[in-house]
C-alpha atoms as a PDB file:
ATOM      1  CA  MET A   1     -15.355  19.623-162.549  1.00  0.00           C
ATOM      2  CA  SER A   2     -12.525  18.033-164.501  1.00  0.00           C
ATOM      3  CA  GLU A   3      -8.844  19.145-164.212  1.00  0.00           C
ATOM      4  CA  VAL A   4      -9.059  20.293-167.783  1.00  0.00           C
ATOM      5  CA  ALA A   5     -11.901  22.582-166.915  1.00  0.00           C
ATOM      6  CA  ASP A   6      -9.973  23.806-163.778  1.00  0.00           C
ATOM      7  CA  LEU A   7      -6.980  24.732-165.953  1.00  0.00           C
ATOM      8  CA  THR A   8      -9.154  26.240-168.722  1.00  0.00           C
ATOM      9  CA  GLU A   9     -10.566  28.649-166.038  1.00  0.00           C
ATOM     10  CA  GLU A  10      -7.255  29.387-164.571  1.00  0.00           C
ATOM     11  CA  LEU A  11      -5.508  30.020-167.798  1.00  0.00           C
ATOM     12  CA  GLN A  12      -7.779  30.556-170.909  1.00  0.00           C
ATOM     13  CA  VAL A  13      -6.924  28.138-173.761  1.00  0.00           C
ATOM     14  CA  PRO A  14      -5.449  30.313-176.355  1.00  0.00           C
ATOM     15  CA  ALA A  15      -6.596  30.112-179.990  1.00  0.00           C
ATOM     16  CA  GLY A  16      -4.902  27.295-181.867  1.00  0.00           C
ATOM     17  CA  VAL A  17      -4.759  25.080-178.807  1.00  0.00           C
ATOM     18  CA  ASP A  18      -6.950  21.790-178.808  1.00  0.00           C
ATOM     19  CA  PRO A  19      -6.851  20.513-175.285  1.00  0.00           C
ATOM     20  CA  THR A  20      -8.130  17.100-176.485  1.00  0.00           C
ATOM     21  CA  VAL A  21      -4.978  16.489-178.575  1.00  0.00           C
ATOM     22  CA  PRO A  22      -1.836  15.712-176.578  1.00  0.00           C
ATOM     23  CA  ALA A  23       1.295  17.931-177.145  1.00  0.00           C
ATOM     24  CA  PRO A  24       4.900  17.169-176.362  1.00  0.00           C
ATOM     25  CA  ALA A  25       5.525  20.345-174.315  1.00  0.00           C
ATOM     26  CA  ARG A  26       2.586  19.460-172.052  1.00  0.00           C
ATOM     27  CA  MET A  27       3.467  15.815-171.752  1.00  0.00           C
ATOM     28  CA  TYR A  28       7.043  16.848-170.848  1.00  0.00           C
ATOM     29  CA  ASP A  29       5.618  19.215-168.180  1.00  0.00           C
ATOM     30  CA  TYR A  30       3.539  16.402-166.841  1.00  0.00           C
ATOM     31  CA  PHE A  31       6.634  13.916-166.689  1.00  0.00           C
ATOM     32  CA  LEU A  32       8.488  16.675-164.706  1.00  0.00           C
ATOM     33  CA  GLY A  33       5.597  16.962-162.198  1.00  0.00           C
ATOM     34  CA  GLY A  34       4.039  20.133-163.637  1.00  0.00           C
ATOM     35  CA  ARG A  35       0.310  21.110-163.539  1.00  0.00           C
ATOM     36  CA  HIS A  36       0.108  22.796-166.917  1.00  0.00           C
ATOM     37  CA  ASN A  37      -1.305  19.942-168.942  1.00  0.00           C
ATOM     38  CA  PHE A  38      -4.630  18.567-169.997  1.00  0.00           C
ATOM     39  CA  LEU A  39      -6.350  15.295-169.443  1.00  0.00           C
ATOM     40  CA  ALA A  40      -5.399  14.227-173.010  1.00  0.00           C
ATOM     41  CA  ASP A  41      -1.757  14.889-172.345  1.00  0.00           C
ATOM     42  CA  ARG A  42      -1.815  12.980-168.948  1.00  0.00           C
ATOM     43  CA  ASP A  43      -3.642  10.098-170.531  1.00  0.00           C
ATOM     44  CA  VAL A  44      -1.042   9.358-173.202  1.00  0.00           C
ATOM     45  CA  ALA A  45       1.816  10.284-170.926  1.00  0.00           C
ATOM     46  CA  ASP A  46       0.544   7.703-168.229  1.00  0.00           C
ATOM     47  CA  GLN A  47       0.353   5.076-170.936  1.00  0.00           C
ATOM     48  CA  VAL A  48       3.971   5.777-171.895  1.00  0.00           C
ATOM     49  CA  ARG A  49       5.041   5.792-168.240  1.00  0.00           C
ATOM     50  CA  GLU A  50       3.232   2.424-167.569  1.00  0.00           C
ATOM     51  CA  MET A  51       5.072   0.762-170.439  1.00  0.00           C
ATOM     52  CA  ILE A  52       8.347   2.719-170.311  1.00  0.00           C
ATOM     53  CA  PRO A  53       8.960   3.433-166.436  1.00  0.00           C
ATOM     54  CA  GLU A  54      12.329   5.141-167.055  1.00  0.00           C
ATOM     55  CA  VAL A  55      10.728   7.829-169.135  1.00  0.00           C
ATOM     56  CA  ILE A  56      10.585  10.049-165.986  1.00  0.00           C
ATOM     57  CA  ASP A  57      14.276   9.587-165.367  1.00  0.00           C
ATOM     58  CA  ALA A  58      14.902  10.464-168.908  1.00  0.00           C
ATOM     59  CA  ALA A  59      12.925  13.712-168.700  1.00  0.00           C
ATOM     60  CA  TRP A  60      14.706  14.669-165.525  1.00  0.00           C
ATOM     61  CA  ALA A  61      18.203  13.668-166.982  1.00  0.00           C
ATOM     62  CA  ASN A  62      17.645  15.879-170.034  1.00  0.00           C
ATOM     63  CA  ARG A  63      16.413  18.735-167.844  1.00  0.00           C
ATOM     64  CA  GLY A  64      19.549  18.513-165.759  1.00  0.00           C
ATOM     65  CA  PHE A  65      21.757  18.539-168.817  1.00  0.00           C
ATOM     66  CA  HIS A  66      19.951  21.578-170.132  1.00  0.00           C
ATOM     67  CA  GLN A  67      20.518  23.465-166.829  1.00  0.00           C
ATOM     68  CA  ARG A  68      24.228  22.381-166.431  1.00  0.00           C
ATOM     69  CA  ALA A  69      24.946  23.485-170.025  1.00  0.00           C
ATOM     70  CA  ALA A  70      23.230  26.917-169.620  1.00  0.00           C
ATOM     71  CA  ARG A  71      25.085  27.413-166.481  1.00  0.00           C
ATOM     72  CA  TRP A  72      28.312  26.478-167.942  1.00  0.00           C
ATOM     73  CA  LEU A  73      27.851  28.774-170.979  1.00  0.00           C
ATOM     74  CA  ALA A  74      27.191  31.699-168.688  1.00  0.00           C
ATOM     75  CA  GLY A  75      30.457  30.951-166.879  1.00  0.00           C
ATOM     76  CA  GLN A  76      32.112  31.147-170.314  1.00  0.00           C
ATOM     77  CA  GLY A  77      30.951  34.612-170.807  1.00  0.00           C
ATOM     78  CA  ILE A  78      27.840  34.019-172.801  1.00  0.00           C
ATOM     79  CA  ARG A  79      25.402  36.779-172.052  1.00  0.00           C
ATOM     80  CA  GLN A  80      22.425  35.986-174.398  1.00  0.00           C
ATOM     81  CA  PHE A  81      20.522  32.838-175.087  1.00  0.00           C
ATOM     82  CA  ILE A  82      18.011  31.533-177.581  1.00  0.00           C
ATOM     83  CA  ASP A  83      15.949  28.556-176.161  1.00  0.00           C
ATOM     84  CA  ILE A  84      14.254  26.878-179.165  1.00  0.00           C
ATOM     85  CA  GLY A  85      11.498  24.286-178.291  1.00  0.00           C
ATOM     86  CA  SER A  86      11.415  25.632-174.738  1.00  0.00           C
ATOM     87  CA  GLY A  87       8.327  23.999-173.608  1.00  0.00           C
ATOM     88  CA  LEU A  88       6.284  25.004-170.645  1.00  0.00           C
ATOM     89  CA  PRO A  89       8.170  26.747-167.857  1.00  0.00           C
ATOM     90  CA  THR A  90       9.192  24.579-164.853  1.00  0.00           C
ATOM     91  CA  VAL A  91      11.669  24.747-161.983  1.00  0.00           C
ATOM     92  CA  GLY A  92      15.083  26.127-163.238  1.00  0.00           C
ATOM     93  CA  ASN A  93      14.209  27.792-166.489  1.00  0.00           C
ATOM     94  CA  THR A  94      16.979  29.025-168.613  1.00  0.00           C
ATOM     95  CA  HIS A  95      16.662  32.685-167.559  1.00  0.00           C
ATOM     96  CA  GLU A  96      16.570  31.686-163.879  1.00  0.00           C
ATOM     97  CA  VAL A  97      19.729  29.593-164.268  1.00  0.00           C
ATOM     98  CA  VAL A  98      21.802  32.101-166.157  1.00  0.00           C
ATOM     99  CA  GLN A  99      20.439  35.298-164.518  1.00  0.00           C
ATOM    100  CA  ASP A 100      21.440  33.617-161.196  1.00  0.00           C
ATOM    101  CA  LEU A 101      25.060  34.057-162.311  1.00  0.00           C
ATOM    102  CA  VAL A 102      24.767  36.953-164.631  1.00  0.00           C
ATOM    103  CA  PRO A 103      21.810  39.202-163.660  1.00  0.00           C
ATOM    104  CA  GLY A 104      21.802  41.019-167.013  1.00  0.00           C
ATOM    105  CA  ALA A 105      21.799  37.846-169.177  1.00  0.00           C
ATOM    106  CA  ARG A 106      19.182  37.989-171.902  1.00  0.00           C
ATOM    107  CA  VAL A 107      17.094  34.926-172.786  1.00  0.00           C
ATOM    108  CA  VAL A 108      14.468  34.476-175.593  1.00  0.00           C
ATOM    109  CA  TYR A 109      12.235  31.512-175.543  1.00  0.00           C
ATOM    110  CA  VAL A 110      10.805  30.031-178.824  1.00  0.00           C
ATOM    111  CA  ASP A 111       7.911  27.515-179.030  1.00  0.00           C
ATOM    112  CA  HIS A 112       5.026  27.040-181.417  1.00  0.00           C
ATOM    113  CA  ASP A 113       2.438  26.020-178.676  1.00  0.00           C
ATOM    114  CA  PRO A 114       0.359  29.062-177.821  1.00  0.00           C
ATOM    115  CA  LEU A 115      -0.134  27.772-174.305  1.00  0.00           C
ATOM    116  CA  VAL A 116       3.634  27.897-173.677  1.00  0.00           C
ATOM    117  CA  LEU A 117       3.681  31.502-174.665  1.00  0.00           C
ATOM    118  CA  ALA A 118       0.745  32.466-172.564  1.00  0.00           C
ATOM    119  CA  TYR A 119       1.851  30.768-169.404  1.00  0.00           C
ATOM    120  CA  SER A 120       5.456  31.695-169.817  1.00  0.00           C
ATOM    121  CA  ALA A 121       4.705  35.391-170.309  1.00  0.00           C
ATOM    122  CA  ARG A 122       2.651  35.334-167.051  1.00  0.00           C
ATOM    123  CA  LEU A 123       5.194  33.534-165.117  1.00  0.00           C
ATOM    124  CA  ARG A 124       8.005  35.762-166.357  1.00  0.00           C
ATOM    125  CA  GLY A 125       6.196  38.861-165.200  1.00  0.00           C
ATOM    126  CA  ASP A 126       8.237  42.159-165.547  1.00  0.00           C
ATOM    127  CA  ASN A 127      11.560  40.473-166.292  1.00  0.00           C
ATOM    128  CA  GLN A 128      12.902  42.833-169.036  1.00  0.00           C
ATOM    129  CA  ASN A 129      15.722  40.497-170.095  1.00  0.00           C
ATOM    130  CA  ALA A 130      13.566  37.564-170.893  1.00  0.00           C
ATOM    131  CA  GLU A 131      11.128  37.370-173.882  1.00  0.00           C
ATOM    132  CA  ASP A 132       8.855  34.767-175.487  1.00  0.00           C
ATOM    133  CA  THR A 133       8.410  34.232-179.175  1.00  0.00           C
ATOM    134  CA  LEU A 134       5.467  32.178-180.789  1.00  0.00           C
ATOM    135  CA  ALA A 135       7.247  30.608-183.823  1.00  0.00           C
ATOM    136  CA  ALA A 136       7.980  27.110-185.215  1.00  0.00           C
ATOM    137  CA  LEU A 137      11.461  25.718-185.140  1.00  0.00           C
ATOM    138  CA  ARG A 138      11.225  24.767-188.831  1.00  0.00           C
ATOM    139  CA  GLU A 139      10.603  28.549-189.863  1.00  0.00           C
ATOM    140  CA  ARG A 140      14.056  29.716-189.208  1.00  0.00           C
ATOM    141  CA  GLU A 141      13.512  33.133-190.874  1.00  0.00           C
ATOM    142  CA  SER A 142      10.347  33.770-188.739  1.00  0.00           C
ATOM    143  CA  VAL A 143      12.366  32.757-185.524  1.00  0.00           C
ATOM    144  CA  LEU A 144      15.476  34.708-186.127  1.00  0.00           C
ATOM    145  CA  GLY A 145      13.704  37.587-187.648  1.00  0.00           C
ATOM    146  CA  HIS A 146      10.968  37.978-184.844  1.00  0.00           C
ATOM    147  CA  ALA A 147      10.908  41.552-183.487  1.00  0.00           C
ATOM    148  CA  GLY A 148      10.841  40.319-179.926  1.00  0.00           C
ATOM    149  CA  LEU A 149      13.923  38.315-180.471  1.00  0.00           C
ATOM    150  CA  ARG A 150      15.837  40.966-182.221  1.00  0.00           C
ATOM    151  CA  ALA A 151      15.080  43.387-179.349  1.00  0.00           C
ATOM    152  CA  LEU A 152      17.095  41.306-176.954  1.00  0.00           C
ATOM    153  CA  ILE A 153      19.588  39.240-179.170  1.00  0.00           C
ATOM    154  CA  ASP A 154      22.645  41.021-180.872  1.00  0.00           C
ATOM    155  CA  PHE A 155      23.737  38.606-183.543  1.00  0.00           C
ATOM    156  CA  ALA A 156      27.142  40.399-183.661  1.00  0.00           C
ATOM    157  CA  GLU A 157      27.923  38.935-180.191  1.00  0.00           C
ATOM    158  CA  PRO A 158      28.164  35.170-179.131  1.00  0.00           C
ATOM    159  CA  VAL A 159      24.904  33.436-178.421  1.00  0.00           C
ATOM    160  CA  GLY A 160      23.965  30.387-176.526  1.00  0.00           C
ATOM    161  CA  LEU A 161      21.620  28.422-178.822  1.00  0.00           C
ATOM    162  CA  MET A 162      19.734  25.807-176.715  1.00  0.00           C
ATOM    163  CA  MET A 163      17.955  23.061-178.727  1.00  0.00           C
ATOM    164  CA  THR A 164      17.450  20.312-176.131  1.00  0.00           C
ATOM    165  CA  ALA A 165      14.949  17.514-176.796  1.00  0.00           C
ATOM    166  CA  VAL A 166      13.389  19.253-179.786  1.00  0.00           C
ATOM    167  CA  MET A 167      15.193  18.022-182.906  1.00  0.00           C
ATOM    168  CA  HIS A 168      13.603  14.530-182.444  1.00  0.00           C
ATOM    169  CA  PHE A 169      10.332  16.043-183.576  1.00  0.00           C
ATOM    170  CA  VAL A 170      11.840  16.845-186.940  1.00  0.00           C
ATOM    171  CA  ALA A 171      11.661  13.897-189.462  1.00  0.00           C
ATOM    172  CA  SER A 172      14.902  12.979-191.258  1.00  0.00           C
ATOM    173  CA  ALA A 173      13.004  13.737-194.609  1.00  0.00           C
ATOM    174  CA  SER A 174      12.780  17.349-193.435  1.00  0.00           C
ATOM    175  CA  ARG A 175      16.705  17.587-193.264  1.00  0.00           C
ATOM    176  CA  PRO A 176      17.054  18.419-189.457  1.00  0.00           C
ATOM    177  CA  TRP A 177      20.886  18.659-189.868  1.00  0.00           C
ATOM    178  CA  GLY A 178      20.740  21.309-192.505  1.00  0.00           C
ATOM    179  CA  LEU A 179      18.118  23.183-190.351  1.00  0.00           C
ATOM    180  CA  VAL A 180      20.399  23.241-187.325  1.00  0.00           C
ATOM    181  CA  ALA A 181      23.313  24.309-189.671  1.00  0.00           C
ATOM    182  CA  ARG A 182      21.293  27.310-190.901  1.00  0.00           C
ATOM    183  CA  TYR A 183      20.662  28.486-187.286  1.00  0.00           C
ATOM    184  CA  VAL A 184      24.313  28.130-186.406  1.00  0.00           C
ATOM    185  CA  ARG A 185      25.324  30.063-189.547  1.00  0.00           C
ATOM    186  CA  ALA A 186      23.436  33.042-188.119  1.00  0.00           C
ATOM    187  CA  LEU A 187      25.607  33.043-184.942  1.00  0.00           C
ATOM    188  CA  ALA A 188      28.771  34.986-184.209  1.00  0.00           C
ATOM    189  CA  SER A 189      32.137  33.257-183.679  1.00  0.00           C
ATOM    190  CA  GLY A 190      32.376  32.041-180.151  1.00  0.00           C
ATOM    191  CA  SER A 191      28.696  31.092-179.932  1.00  0.00           C
ATOM    192  CA  TYR A 192      27.667  27.668-178.655  1.00  0.00           C
ATOM    193  CA  LEU A 193      25.158  25.070-179.724  1.00  0.00           C
ATOM    194  CA  VAL A 194      23.502  22.948-177.003  1.00  0.00           C
ATOM    195  CA  LEU A 195      21.536  19.944-178.396  1.00  0.00           C
ATOM    196  CA  SER A 196      20.058  16.705-177.162  1.00  0.00           C
ATOM    197  CA  GLN A 197      17.998  14.068-178.926  1.00  0.00           C
ATOM    198  CA  VAL A 198      16.337  10.704-178.071  1.00  0.00           C
ATOM    199  CA  THR A 199      18.241   7.508-179.473  1.00  0.00           C
ATOM    200  CA  ASP A 200      17.329   4.070-180.243  1.00  0.00           C
ATOM    201  CA  GLU A 201      20.863   2.731-179.315  1.00  0.00           C
ATOM    202  CA  LYS A 202      20.843   0.864-175.998  1.00  0.00           C
ATOM    203  CA  THR A 203      17.085   1.400-175.898  1.00  0.00           C
ATOM    204  CA  PRO A 204      14.771  -1.672-175.997  1.00  0.00           C
ATOM    205  CA  PRO A 205      13.142  -1.875-179.436  1.00  0.00           C
ATOM    206  CA  ARG A 206       9.767  -2.389-177.850  1.00  0.00           C
ATOM    207  CA  SER A 207      10.092   0.828-175.951  1.00  0.00           C
ATOM    208  CA  VAL A 208      11.085   2.669-178.992  1.00  0.00           C
ATOM    209  CA  ARG A 209       7.937   1.319-180.783  1.00  0.00           C
ATOM    210  CA  VAL A 210       5.732   2.218-177.791  1.00  0.00           C
ATOM    211  CA  ALA A 211       6.999   5.860-177.758  1.00  0.00           C
ATOM    212  CA  GLU A 212       6.586   6.245-181.518  1.00  0.00           C
ATOM    213  CA  GLN A 213       3.031   4.985-181.221  1.00  0.00           C
ATOM    214  CA  MET A 214       2.100   7.113-178.278  1.00  0.00           C
ATOM    215  CA  TYR A 215       3.523  10.281-179.718  1.00  0.00           C
ATOM    216  CA  ALA A 216       1.695   9.702-183.093  1.00  0.00           C
ATOM    217  CA  LYS A 217      -1.437  10.262-181.181  1.00  0.00           C
ATOM    218  CA  GLY A 218      -0.446  13.849-180.499  1.00  0.00           C
ATOM    219  CA  THR A 219       0.546  16.879-182.404  1.00  0.00           C
ATOM    220  CA  GLU A 220       4.066  15.734-183.135  1.00  0.00           C
ATOM    221  CA  ASN A 221       5.616  12.383-184.060  1.00  0.00           C
ATOM    222  CA  ILE A 222       8.962  11.500-182.523  1.00  0.00           C
ATOM    223  CA  TYR A 223      11.986  10.237-184.417  1.00  0.00           C
ATOM    224  CA  PHE A 224      14.804   8.224-182.746  1.00  0.00           C
ATOM    225  CA  ARG A 225      18.405   8.471-184.096  1.00  0.00           C
ATOM    226  CA  GLY A 226      21.584   6.693-183.526  1.00  0.00           C
ATOM    227  CA  LYS A 227      24.752   8.368-182.168  1.00  0.00           C
ATOM    228  CA  ALA A 228      26.396   8.922-185.584  1.00  0.00           C
ATOM    229  CA  ASP A 229      23.296  10.888-186.875  1.00  0.00           C
ATOM    230  CA  ILE A 230      23.248  12.783-183.664  1.00  0.00           C
ATOM    231  CA  GLU A 231      26.928  13.717-184.069  1.00  0.00           C
ATOM    232  CA  ARG A 232      26.054  15.263-187.508  1.00  0.00           C
ATOM    233  CA  PHE A 233      24.282  18.109-185.780  1.00  0.00           C
ATOM    234  CA  PHE A 234      27.730  19.283-184.623  1.00  0.00           C
ATOM    235  CA  ASP A 235      29.590  19.018-187.976  1.00  0.00           C
ATOM    236  CA  GLY A 236      32.035  21.956-188.284  1.00  0.00           C
ATOM    237  CA  LEU A 237      31.785  22.806-184.681  1.00  0.00           C
ATOM    238  CA  GLU A 238      34.246  22.314-181.718  1.00  0.00           C
ATOM    239  CA  MET A 239      32.887  19.955-179.227  1.00  0.00           C
ATOM    240  CA  VAL A 240      33.587  21.147-175.605  1.00  0.00           C
ATOM    241  CA  SER A 241      33.425  19.438-172.208  1.00  0.00           C
ATOM    242  CA  PRO A 242      33.135  21.229-168.775  1.00  0.00           C
ATOM    243  CA  ASP A 243      35.219  18.933-166.773  1.00  0.00           C
ATOM    244  CA  GLY A 244      38.324  17.618-168.584  1.00  0.00           C
ATOM    245  CA  THR A 245      36.443  14.594-169.903  1.00  0.00           C
ATOM    246  CA  PRO A 246      36.506  13.741-173.543  1.00  0.00           C
ATOM    247  CA  ALA A 247      34.613  16.472-175.671  1.00  0.00           C
ATOM    248  CA  ALA A 248      32.107  14.322-177.511  1.00  0.00           C
ATOM    249  CA  VAL A 249      28.428  13.351-177.975  1.00  0.00           C
ATOM    250  CA  VAL A 250      27.518  11.579-174.641  1.00  0.00           C
ATOM    251  CA  HIS A 251      24.362  10.526-172.751  1.00  0.00           C
ATOM    252  CA  VAL A 252      22.589  13.504-171.096  1.00  0.00           C
ATOM    253  CA  GLY A 253      23.351  12.381-167.523  1.00  0.00           C
ATOM    254  CA  GLU A 254      27.020  12.279-168.221  1.00  0.00           C
ATOM    255  CA  TRP A 255      27.813  15.802-169.588  1.00  0.00           C
ATOM    256  CA  GLY A 256      29.076  17.871-166.609  1.00  0.00           C
ATOM    257  CA  ALA A 257      27.830  15.372-164.025  1.00  0.00           C
ATOM    258  CA  ASP A 258      28.977  15.613-160.485  1.00  0.00           C
ATOM    259  CA  ASP A 259      28.849  11.799-160.242  1.00  0.00           C
ATOM    260  CA  PRO A 260      29.229  10.182-163.622  1.00  0.00           C
ATOM    261  CA  GLY A 261      28.528   6.710-162.095  1.00  0.00           C
ATOM    262  CA  LEU A 262      25.174   7.751-160.791  1.00  0.00           C
ATOM    263  CA  ALA A 263      24.370   9.769-163.855  1.00  0.00           C
ATOM    264  CA  ASP A 264      24.630   6.678-166.096  1.00  0.00           C
ATOM    265  CA  SER A 265      21.150   5.624-165.529  1.00  0.00           C
ATOM    266  CA  ASP A 266      18.635   3.908-167.878  1.00  0.00           C
ATOM    267  CA  GLY A 267      16.719   7.078-168.359  1.00  0.00           C
ATOM    268  CA  SER A 268      19.959   8.974-169.271  1.00  0.00           C
ATOM    269  CA  ARG A 269      20.600   6.448-172.051  1.00  0.00           C
ATOM    270  CA  TRP A 270      17.491   7.515-173.758  1.00  0.00           C
ATOM    271  CA  LEU A 271      19.162  10.762-174.917  1.00  0.00           C
ATOM    272  CA  TYR A 272      22.400  11.782-176.517  1.00  0.00           C
ATOM    273  CA  CYS A 273      23.680  15.337-176.044  1.00  0.00           C
ATOM    274  CA  GLY A 274      26.481  17.659-176.804  1.00  0.00           C
ATOM    275  CA  VAL A 275      27.803  21.185-176.410  1.00  0.00           C
ATOM    276  CA  ALA A 276      29.926  22.689-179.205  1.00  0.00           C
ATOM    277  CA  ARG A 277      31.584  26.065-179.916  1.00  0.00           C
ATOM    278  CA  CYS A 278      31.218  27.935-183.122  1.00  0.00           C
ATOM    279  CA  PRO A 279      34.551  28.748-184.689  1.00  0.00           C
END
């Protein structure tokens, strides 16, 4: 019996999920060593890994940034989080990271993949301070107006908005900067935006082309951006740094790194990131 069939029996494939078409969330899960992916995801992911070996390092570098930023926000007094494009649960999920510091912290995960919703809900169990929302990033009103999200998130209070490794699935023609700005406008003063995005700066052009071609086989295309365009996501916000280093957009391995030299890896240079406070 195939691994796809094994997973299908373990977790029924929800309506709207085609296991023969690779999806970024399941490919990311595979890059991080997860089991919740299908043969189609693994086939394309293996092709990417064969031609771009540093993709595994890039996935882990981004995951590390996400966790460090969430932990830092909790330390700044943020008690509620919206994780958009959350992907499949893996080790050190947002609610696990922040609730380790603040047991009552509230987290809402948002993803448009029904498999993410099904598995995340099962893993979350009876945690009353974590919720999953099936909605698409591009549909801001559906995301922020969702009853499950509204039940946990109080928009009169500061929110940690996590948008890591998701905006590179929105084409420039779809105005991703305006989309992020509309989300930010819904947040109270003192909220934070956490964002990371793949870049084509310091990245071999051939590797960029390979990634674009491989992701085009799946449910989402991927769009690389330069640092200046990634900085635009933070327009009007106050960039912050956790350790006295310059508050700016940096590679994902560098933000809050215990060892900046070690963090400056080939995989880390695949993504820029930043954390910014809403005035």
